[in-house]
Amino acid sequence: MDGLTCIQVSIDYPGGPLAAESMQTFRRILEHKPLIISGPVYESELEELQRLEPAGGLCLQLQVVRDDKAYE
């Protein structure tokens, strides 16, 4: 959508997919638009999110959950 200057995605876990499951979508968005990602992520996902290469900008507004809490 050309009229949008930025895309915001909210991680809604456990109601929606994990950040790790959405990484390819995030990469595709970042090829064209700045991206804001908010919500809970695991430590391992944070590391992968920090490696994303934004074309126009990336804002991470996250709550980090320790990986060892993933299956409690």
N, C-alpha and C. Protein backbone atom coordinates (compact mmCIF):
# COMPACT_ATOMS: atom_id res chain seq x y z
N MET A 1 0.84 -1.17 0.00
CA MET A 1 0.00 0.00 0.00
C MET A 1 0.89 1.24 0.00
N ASP A 2 0.84 1.97 -1.07
CA ASP A 2 1.72 3.12 -1.24
C ASP A 2 1.47 4.23 -0.23
N GLY A 3 0.24 4.39 0.23
CA GLY A 3 -0.09 5.48 1.14
C GLY A 3 0.45 5.30 2.55
N LEU A 4 0.84 4.09 2.91
CA LEU A 4 1.37 3.84 4.25
C LEU A 4 2.84 4.22 4.31
N THR A 5 3.21 4.92 5.37
CA THR A 5 4.62 5.28 5.54
C THR A 5 5.36 4.31 6.43
N CYS A 6 4.60 3.49 7.18
CA CYS A 6 5.20 2.53 8.12
C CYS A 6 4.19 1.42 8.38
N ILE A 7 4.68 0.25 8.75
CA ILE A 7 3.83 -0.88 9.13
C ILE A 7 4.13 -1.21 10.58
N GLN A 8 3.07 -1.47 11.39
CA GLN A 8 3.26 -1.91 12.76
C GLN A 8 2.68 -3.30 12.91
N VAL A 9 3.46 -4.19 13.54
CA VAL A 9 3.04 -5.56 13.80
C VAL A 9 3.12 -5.79 15.30
N SER A 10 2.04 -6.30 15.87
CA SER A 10 2.02 -6.63 17.29
C SER A 10 2.05 -8.15 17.45
N ILE A 11 3.03 -8.64 18.18
CA ILE A 11 3.11 -10.06 18.48
C ILE A 11 2.06 -10.36 19.54
N ASP A 12 1.16 -11.27 19.27
CA ASP A 12 0.07 -11.59 20.19
C ASP A 12 0.18 -13.05 20.59
N TYR A 13 1.25 -13.37 21.30
CA TYR A 13 1.46 -14.74 21.72
C TYR A 13 0.86 -14.93 23.09
N PRO A 14 0.10 -15.96 23.37
CA PRO A 14 -0.06 -17.20 22.61
C PRO A 14 -1.19 -17.19 21.60
N GLY A 15 -1.85 -16.06 21.40
CA GLY A 15 -2.98 -16.01 20.47
C GLY A 15 -2.59 -16.05 19.01
N GLY A 16 -1.35 -15.67 18.69
CA GLY A 16 -0.91 -15.63 17.30
C GLY A 16 0.46 -16.27 17.16
N PRO A 17 1.06 -16.11 16.00
CA PRO A 17 2.37 -16.75 15.77
C PRO A 17 3.49 -16.07 16.56
N LEU A 18 4.52 -16.83 16.84
CA LEU A 18 5.73 -16.30 17.47
C LEU A 18 6.46 -15.39 16.50
N ALA A 19 7.33 -14.55 17.02
CA ALA A 19 8.15 -13.69 16.15
C ALA A 19 8.98 -14.53 15.19
N ALA A 20 9.52 -15.66 15.68
CA ALA A 20 10.35 -16.52 14.83
C ALA A 20 9.57 -17.03 13.63
N GLU A 21 8.28 -17.27 13.80
CA GLU A 21 7.44 -17.77 12.70
C GLU A 21 7.10 -16.67 11.70
N SER A 22 7.29 -15.41 12.08
CA SER A 22 6.95 -14.28 11.22
C SER A 22 8.17 -13.60 10.61
N MET A 23 9.36 -14.12 10.84
CA MET A 23 10.59 -13.46 10.43
C MET A 23 10.65 -13.20 8.92
N GLN A 24 10.21 -14.15 8.11
CA GLN A 24 10.23 -13.95 6.66
C GLN A 24 9.30 -12.80 6.25
N THR A 25 8.16 -12.71 6.89
CA THR A 25 7.23 -11.60 6.62
C THR A 25 7.86 -10.27 7.01
N PHE A 26 8.53 -10.24 8.16
CA PHE A 26 9.20 -9.01 8.58
C PHE A 26 10.25 -8.59 7.55
N ARG A 27 11.00 -9.54 7.04
CA ARG A 27 12.03 -9.22 6.02
C ARG A 27 11.39 -8.64 4.76
N ARG A 28 10.27 -9.23 4.34
CA ARG A 28 9.60 -8.73 3.12
C ARG A 28 9.08 -7.31 3.33
N ILE A 29 8.51 -7.03 4.50
CA ILE A 29 8.02 -5.68 4.79
C ILE A 29 9.18 -4.70 4.77
N LEU A 30 10.29 -5.07 5.42
CA LEU A 30 11.43 -4.16 5.54
C LEU A 30 12.11 -3.85 4.21
N GLU A 31 11.85 -4.65 3.19
CA GLU A 31 12.37 -4.35 1.85
C GLU A 31 11.71 -3.10 1.29
N HIS A 32 10.52 -2.74 1.81
CA HIS A 32 9.73 -1.66 1.22
C HIS A 32 9.36 -0.53 2.19
N LYS A 33 9.20 -0.87 3.46
CA LYS A 33 8.67 0.11 4.43
C LYS A 33 9.39 -0.03 5.77
N PRO A 34 9.44 1.05 6.55
CA PRO A 34 9.87 0.94 7.94
C PRO A 34 8.87 0.05 8.70
N LEU A 35 9.35 -0.57 9.78
CA LEU A 35 8.54 -1.53 10.52
C LEU A 35 8.67 -1.29 12.02
N ILE A 36 7.54 -1.34 12.71
CA ILE A 36 7.49 -1.31 14.16
C ILE A 36 7.00 -2.67 14.62
N ILE A 37 7.74 -3.32 15.51
CA ILE A 37 7.34 -4.62 16.05
C ILE A 37 7.21 -4.46 17.55
N SER A 38 6.05 -4.86 18.10
CA SER A 38 5.83 -4.77 19.54
C SER A 38 5.28 -6.10 20.05
N GLY A 39 5.48 -6.32 21.35
CA GLY A 39 4.94 -7.52 21.98
C GLY A 39 6.00 -8.38 22.62
N PRO A 40 5.59 -9.54 23.15
CA PRO A 40 6.53 -10.43 23.83
C PRO A 40 7.33 -11.28 22.85
N VAL A 41 8.62 -11.41 23.12
CA VAL A 41 9.49 -12.28 22.32
C VAL A 41 10.46 -13.01 23.25
N TYR A 42 10.92 -14.16 22.80
CA TYR A 42 11.93 -14.89 23.54
C TYR A 42 13.30 -14.30 23.25
N GLU A 43 14.25 -14.52 24.16
CA GLU A 43 15.61 -13.98 23.98
C GLU A 43 16.20 -14.37 22.63
N SER A 44 16.02 -15.61 22.23
CA SER A 44 16.57 -16.07 20.95
C SER A 44 15.93 -15.34 19.78
N GLU A 45 14.65 -15.00 19.89
CA GLU A 45 13.99 -14.24 18.83
C GLU A 45 14.51 -12.81 18.79
N LEU A 46 14.78 -12.23 19.95
CA LEU A 46 15.32 -10.88 20.00
C LEU A 46 16.62 -10.79 19.21
N GLU A 47 17.49 -11.75 19.41
CA GLU A 47 18.77 -11.75 18.69
C GLU A 47 18.55 -11.77 17.18
N GLU A 48 17.57 -12.57 16.73
CA GLU A 48 17.28 -12.63 15.29
C GLU A 48 16.65 -11.32 14.80
N LEU A 49 15.77 -10.73 15.59
CA LEU A 49 15.15 -9.46 15.22
C LEU A 49 16.20 -8.35 15.10
N GLN A 50 17.18 -8.36 15.99
CA GLN A 50 18.21 -7.34 15.95
C GLN A 50 19.10 -7.48 14.71
N ARG A 51 19.10 -8.62 14.08
CA ARG A 51 19.90 -8.83 12.87
C ARG A 51 19.15 -8.46 11.59
N LEU A 52 17.87 -8.09 11.70
CA LEU A 52 17.12 -7.67 10.51
C LEU A 52 17.78 -6.43 9.91
N GLU A 53 17.70 -6.33 8.59
CA GLU A 53 18.31 -5.20 7.89
C GLU A 53 17.22 -4.32 7.29
N PRO A 54 16.85 -3.26 8.01
CA PRO A 54 15.78 -2.40 7.52
C PRO A 54 16.23 -1.47 6.40
N ALA A 55 15.37 -1.32 5.40
CA ALA A 55 15.66 -0.39 4.31
C ALA A 55 15.38 1.04 4.77
N GLY A 56 14.32 1.23 5.59
CA GLY A 56 13.96 2.59 5.97
C GLY A 56 13.86 2.83 7.45
N GLY A 57 13.90 1.78 8.27
CA GLY A 57 13.84 1.95 9.71
C GLY A 57 13.18 0.76 10.38
N LEU A 58 13.59 0.53 11.61
CA LEU A 58 13.05 -0.58 12.40
C LEU A 58 12.96 -0.12 13.86
N CYS A 59 11.79 -0.28 14.45
CA CYS A 59 11.57 0.06 15.86
C CYS A 59 11.11 -1.21 16.57
N LEU A 60 11.82 -1.61 17.62
CA LEU A 60 11.46 -2.79 18.40
C LEU A 60 10.96 -2.33 19.77
N GLN A 61 9.69 -2.57 20.06
CA GLN A 61 9.09 -2.25 21.36
C GLN A 61 8.65 -3.58 21.97
N LEU A 62 9.58 -4.25 22.65
CA LEU A 62 9.39 -5.64 23.01
C LEU A 62 9.45 -5.88 24.51
N GLN A 63 8.82 -6.95 24.94
CA GLN A 63 8.97 -7.50 26.27
C GLN A 63 9.71 -8.82 26.08
N VAL A 64 10.90 -8.93 26.65
CA VAL A 64 11.74 -10.11 26.42
C VAL A 64 11.47 -11.15 27.51
N VAL A 65 11.20 -12.37 27.05
CA VAL A 65 10.95 -13.51 27.92
C VAL A 65 12.14 -14.45 27.80
N ARG A 66 12.65 -14.93 28.93
CA ARG A 66 13.78 -15.85 28.89
C ARG A 66 13.39 -17.12 28.14
N ASP A 67 14.32 -17.65 27.35
CA ASP A 67 14.06 -18.86 26.57
C ASP A 67 13.68 -20.05 27.45
N ASP A 68 14.21 -20.14 28.66
CA ASP A 68 13.91 -21.28 29.52
C ASP A 68 12.48 -21.22 30.08
N LYS A 69 11.78 -20.12 29.84
CA LYS A 69 10.38 -20.00 30.25
C LYS A 69 9.42 -20.38 29.12
N ALA A 70 9.97 -20.76 27.98
CA ALA A 70 9.16 -21.01 26.79
C ALA A 70 8.15 -22.14 26.97
N TYR A 71 8.45 -23.11 27.78
CA TYR A 71 7.58 -24.27 27.85
C TYR A 71 6.92 -24.45 29.22
N GLU A 72 6.86 -23.39 29.99
CA GLU A 72 6.19 -23.48 31.30
C GLU A 72 4.72 -23.21 31.18
